[in-house]
Amino acid sequence: MGIELYLDLLSPPCRSVYIFVKKNNIPFTFKQMEVLKGEGRRQQHSVGFGKVNILRKVPALKDGGFTLAESPAILAYLSQKYKTPDHWYPLDMKKRARVDEYLSWQHSAIRPSVFKIFWLKVVFPLYMDQTAPEEKLQEALEDLAIPLKQLEEKFLQDKPFLVGNMISLADLVAFTDLMQLIAIGYNIFENMPKLVEWHNRVKKTVGKELFQEAHKVILNFQDLNSMLIEPQLKEQMKPRLLKMVA
């Protein structure tokens, strides 16, 4: 039995897993989750999905009786299980440590700002029927500026990719995170030519067809505006969204 992957391609961590398995021809069953929708949230909180991931988050992996959560863990597991090319997750201890270093850092640096900006810009209006305060968006964008500079100066430096001359899991995770904001119209790499070149390099390595396939939902994020949100779901999400702008 092949692996099952529970993914919502609106989510950057899910896209990194999706691109990785497709790029490496890893056989899998795609269990689509659309967690912003009522049906998707019911699926997310179902008994069945709870057995796959008690945290009730995506991405999630099921490999026979083995289940796994968190995209860095899933990516590392798949890389080792399917013996993907070494550049993704190098056997060299120091190179692998550099990949792990980025994957550990981004959880508390890049991703929180990306998450907040996306939710304020896109999700807040969907559930609250009004735009988020502009000053809150600006604060979140300013918060992102620091980790972006660290991404360029500490991790990328003068290399083609974050860990060396070839793409790694670190690049894939960083790329999908930042595409979340580029896709909704933010020029986050202004005056950062090294990151522009890196972004283009990763995109080219992923390949045009796979890039479009993985990012179709986020590139067409305007379609979310026509999504019918159930009143009960709006009420459930309201406290969380109000907390973001408090």
Protein backbone atom coordinates (compact mmCIF):
# COMPACT_ATOMS: atom_id res chain seq x y z
CA MET A 1 0.00 0.00 0.00
CA GLY A 2 1.37 3.43 -0.97
CA ILE A 3 1.48 6.50 1.19
CA GLU A 4 -1.50 8.77 1.72
CA LEU A 5 -0.94 12.52 1.94
CA TYR A 6 -3.58 14.81 3.43
CA LEU A 7 -2.99 18.19 1.84
CA ASP A 8 -4.60 21.57 1.28
CA LEU A 9 -2.69 23.30 -1.52
CA LEU A 10 -3.68 26.70 -0.16
CA SER A 11 -1.17 25.90 2.59
CA PRO A 12 2.57 26.52 1.96
CA PRO A 13 3.73 23.48 4.00
CA CYS A 14 1.34 21.28 2.01
CA ARG A 15 2.64 22.68 -1.27
CA SER A 16 6.23 21.92 -0.30
CA VAL A 17 5.30 18.28 0.33
CA TYR A 18 3.25 18.09 -2.88
CA ILE A 19 6.04 19.53 -5.04
CA PHE A 20 8.60 17.22 -3.43
CA VAL A 21 6.68 14.00 -4.07
CA LYS A 22 5.72 15.00 -7.61
CA LYS A 23 9.24 16.15 -8.48
CA ASN A 24 10.67 12.85 -7.23
CA ASN A 25 7.96 10.61 -8.74
CA ILE A 26 6.98 9.26 -5.34
CA PRO A 27 3.69 7.31 -5.58
CA PHE A 28 1.00 8.64 -3.27
CA THR A 29 -2.72 8.99 -2.79
CA PHE A 30 -3.77 12.63 -2.60
CA LYS A 31 -6.33 13.18 0.16
CA GLN A 32 -7.53 16.70 -0.57
CA MET A 33 -8.44 18.89 2.39
CA GLU A 34 -9.92 22.37 1.96
CA VAL A 35 -9.83 23.58 5.52
CA LEU A 36 -11.26 27.06 4.91
CA LYS A 37 -14.51 25.50 3.73
CA GLY A 38 -17.16 24.10 6.01
CA GLU A 39 -16.95 20.59 4.58
CA GLY A 40 -13.17 20.69 4.77
CA ARG A 41 -13.22 21.72 8.43
CA ARG A 42 -15.69 18.95 9.22
CA GLN A 43 -13.33 16.51 7.52
CA GLN A 44 -10.41 17.99 9.47
CA HIS A 45 -12.23 17.38 12.76
CA SER A 46 -13.59 13.96 11.82
CA VAL A 47 -12.80 10.80 13.75
CA GLY A 48 -11.07 9.36 10.69
CA PHE A 49 -8.63 12.22 10.26
CA GLY A 50 -8.04 12.33 14.00
CA LYS A 51 -6.56 8.84 13.70
CA VAL A 52 -4.13 10.13 11.07
CA ASN A 53 -3.18 13.29 12.94
CA ILE A 54 -4.46 13.94 16.43
CA LEU A 55 -3.26 17.55 15.98
CA ARG A 56 -5.86 17.86 13.19
CA LYS A 57 -3.55 19.85 10.95
CA VAL A 58 -2.26 19.45 7.43
CA PRO A 59 -0.02 18.20 5.96
CA ALA A 60 -0.33 14.72 7.37
CA LEU A 61 1.09 11.42 6.14
CA LYS A 62 -0.18 7.87 6.49
CA ASP A 63 2.13 5.04 5.47
CA GLY A 64 0.39 1.80 6.35
CA GLY A 65 0.02 1.91 10.12
CA PHE A 66 2.54 4.75 10.47
CA THR A 67 1.34 8.34 10.63
CA LEU A 68 3.33 11.57 10.67
CA ALA A 69 2.63 15.29 11.07
CA GLU A 70 4.64 18.47 10.34
CA SER A 71 6.05 19.21 6.89
CA PRO A 72 9.79 19.14 7.82
CA ALA A 73 9.38 15.69 9.39
CA ILE A 74 7.32 14.46 6.43
CA LEU A 75 9.83 15.78 3.89
CA ALA A 76 12.78 14.22 5.72
CA TYR A 77 10.94 10.90 6.07
CA LEU A 78 10.03 10.77 2.38
CA SER A 79 13.53 11.75 1.31
CA GLN A 80 15.05 8.89 3.29
CA LYS A 81 12.37 6.30 2.59
CA TYR A 82 12.51 6.80 -1.17
CA LYS A 83 16.25 7.57 -1.34
CA THR A 84 15.73 10.76 -3.32
CA PRO A 85 18.76 12.55 -4.85
CA ASP A 86 21.24 13.58 -2.20
CA HIS A 87 20.91 17.33 -2.78
CA TRP A 88 17.44 17.37 -1.23
CA TYR A 89 18.54 16.14 2.20
CA PRO A 90 22.29 15.49 2.03
CA LEU A 91 23.98 12.52 3.66
CA ASP A 92 26.92 14.77 4.49
CA MET A 93 26.40 15.56 8.17
CA LYS A 94 27.25 19.26 7.95
CA LYS A 95 25.16 19.90 4.83
CA ARG A 96 22.20 18.09 6.36
CA ALA A 97 22.63 20.14 9.51
CA ARG A 98 22.32 23.29 7.38
CA VAL A 99 19.03 22.04 5.96
CA ASP A 100 17.80 21.19 9.46
CA GLU A 101 18.98 24.58 10.70
CA TYR A 102 16.78 26.40 8.20
CA LEU A 103 13.79 24.12 8.78
CA SER A 104 14.07 24.71 12.53
CA TRP A 105 14.48 28.48 12.15
CA GLN A 106 11.66 29.19 9.71
CA HIS A 107 8.94 27.96 12.09
CA SER A 108 9.44 30.94 14.36
CA ALA A 109 10.81 33.44 11.84
CA ILE A 110 9.44 33.44 8.29
CA ARG A 111 6.23 31.45 8.64
CA PRO A 112 4.48 33.37 11.46
CA SER A 113 4.69 36.64 9.52
CA VAL A 114 3.61 35.00 6.26
CA PHE A 115 0.68 33.37 8.03
CA LYS A 116 -0.44 36.61 9.67
CA ILE A 117 -0.22 38.71 6.50
CA PHE A 118 -2.15 36.15 4.46
CA TRP A 119 -4.86 35.79 7.08
CA LEU A 120 -5.27 39.53 7.49
CA LYS A 121 -5.32 40.20 3.75
CA VAL A 122 -7.35 37.23 2.50
CA VAL A 123 -9.01 35.24 5.28
CA PHE A 124 -10.13 38.12 7.52
CA PRO A 125 -12.43 39.66 4.84
CA LEU A 126 -13.89 36.23 4.03
CA TYR A 127 -15.03 35.56 7.57
CA MET A 128 -15.57 39.06 8.92
CA ASP A 129 -17.16 40.70 5.84
CA GLN A 130 -14.79 43.64 6.19
CA THR A 131 -11.13 44.34 5.51
CA ALA A 132 -8.55 44.10 8.26
CA PRO A 133 -7.13 47.37 9.62
CA GLU A 134 -4.40 48.59 7.27
CA GLU A 135 -2.08 49.44 10.15
CA LYS A 136 -2.14 45.80 11.29
CA LEU A 137 -1.14 44.67 7.82
CA GLN A 138 1.69 47.18 7.74
CA GLU A 139 2.91 46.01 11.15
CA ALA A 140 2.98 42.42 9.92
CA LEU A 141 4.87 43.41 6.77
CA GLU A 142 7.41 45.30 8.87
CA ASP A 143 7.83 42.23 11.08
CA LEU A 144 8.61 40.15 7.96
CA ALA A 145 11.42 42.49 6.89
CA ILE A 146 13.79 41.26 9.61
CA PRO A 147 13.62 37.50 8.85
CA LEU A 148 13.80 38.26 5.10
CA LYS A 149 17.07 40.07 5.67
CA GLN A 150 18.29 37.15 7.79
CA LEU A 151 17.25 34.73 5.04
CA GLU A 152 19.41 36.64 2.57
CA GLU A 153 22.42 37.39 4.78
CA LYS A 154 22.69 34.22 6.89
CA PHE A 155 21.19 31.44 4.82
CA LEU A 156 21.55 32.43 1.16
CA GLN A 157 24.65 34.64 1.28
CA ASP A 158 26.30 34.36 -2.17
CA LYS A 159 25.22 30.79 -2.93
CA PRO A 160 22.79 29.76 -5.69
CA PHE A 161 20.62 27.94 -3.13
CA LEU A 162 20.31 28.03 0.65
CA VAL A 163 22.63 25.09 1.31
CA GLY A 164 24.89 25.14 -1.73
CA ASN A 165 24.83 24.72 -5.48
CA MET A 166 21.67 22.61 -5.71
CA ILE A 167 18.12 22.85 -4.41
CA SER A 168 17.34 21.31 -1.01
CA LEU A 169 14.34 20.85 1.26
CA ALA A 170 15.24 24.20 2.81
CA ASP A 171 14.76 26.01 -0.51
CA LEU A 172 11.46 24.27 -1.17
CA VAL A 173 10.03 25.21 2.22
CA ALA A 174 11.23 28.82 1.96
CA PHE A 175 9.96 29.16 -1.60
CA THR A 176 6.44 27.91 -0.90
CA ASP A 177 6.17 30.07 2.22
CA LEU A 178 7.10 33.26 0.38
CA MET A 179 4.95 32.45 -2.65
CA GLN A 180 1.97 32.83 -0.32
CA LEU A 181 2.57 36.58 -0.30
CA ILE A 182 3.93 37.02 -3.82
CA ALA A 183 0.80 35.36 -5.19
CA ILE A 184 -1.49 37.85 -3.45
CA GLY A 185 0.41 40.82 -4.81
CA TYR A 186 3.15 41.73 -2.34
CA ASN A 187 6.58 42.75 -3.65
CA ILE A 188 8.42 41.32 -0.67
CA PHE A 189 11.82 41.20 -2.40
CA GLU A 190 12.05 44.92 -3.11
CA ASN A 191 15.71 46.00 -3.02
CA MET A 192 16.76 42.39 -2.39
CA PRO A 193 18.17 41.24 -5.77
CA LYS A 194 19.81 38.11 -4.34
CA LEU A 195 16.45 36.83 -3.13
CA VAL A 196 14.84 37.67 -6.47
CA GLU A 197 17.48 35.62 -8.28
CA TRP A 198 17.17 32.79 -5.76
CA HIS A 199 13.38 32.75 -6.10
CA ASN A 200 13.62 32.58 -9.90
CA ARG A 201 16.22 29.81 -9.65
CA VAL A 202 14.01 27.68 -7.39
CA LYS A 203 10.98 28.28 -9.61
CA LYS A 204 12.93 27.19 -12.68
CA THR A 205 14.21 24.08 -10.88
CA VAL A 206 10.70 23.10 -9.80
CA GLY A 207 9.54 23.48 -13.41
CA LYS A 208 6.79 25.60 -14.90
CA GLU A 209 4.12 22.89 -15.09
CA LEU A 210 4.59 21.62 -11.53
CA PHE A 211 4.84 25.17 -10.20
CA GLN A 212 1.49 26.08 -11.77
CA GLU A 213 -0.10 22.83 -10.63
CA ALA A 214 0.97 23.28 -7.01
CA HIS A 215 0.19 27.00 -6.85
CA LYS A 216 -3.04 27.09 -8.85
CA VAL A 217 -5.22 27.73 -5.79
CA ILE A 218 -3.12 30.53 -4.31
CA LEU A 219 -2.48 32.17 -7.70
CA ASN A 220 -6.25 32.35 -8.11
CA PHE A 221 -6.90 33.46 -4.55
CA GLN A 222 -9.53 35.94 -5.76
CA ASP A 223 -11.78 32.94 -6.38
CA LEU A 224 -11.99 32.53 -2.61
CA ASN A 225 -14.14 35.67 -2.51
CA SER A 226 -17.00 33.74 -4.07
CA MET A 227 -16.73 30.94 -1.52
CA LEU A 228 -19.83 30.64 0.64
CA ILE A 229 -18.84 30.55 4.31
CA GLU A 230 -21.35 28.97 6.65
CA PRO A 231 -22.57 31.37 9.40
CA GLN A 232 -21.65 28.86 12.10
CA LEU A 233 -18.09 28.65 10.78
CA LYS A 234 -17.82 32.44 10.73
CA GLU A 235 -18.80 32.56 14.38
CA GLN A 236 -16.27 29.87 15.26
CA MET A 237 -13.45 31.77 13.54
CA LYS A 238 -14.42 35.24 14.75
CA PRO A 239 -12.57 35.20 18.13
CA ARG A 240 -9.34 34.04 16.49
CA LEU A 241 -9.51 36.73 13.81
CA LEU A 242 -10.39 39.50 16.25
CA LYS A 243 -7.41 38.50 18.37
CA MET A 244 -5.14 39.07 15.35
CA VAL A 245 -6.19 42.73 15.11
CA ALA A 246 -6.49 43.48 18.83
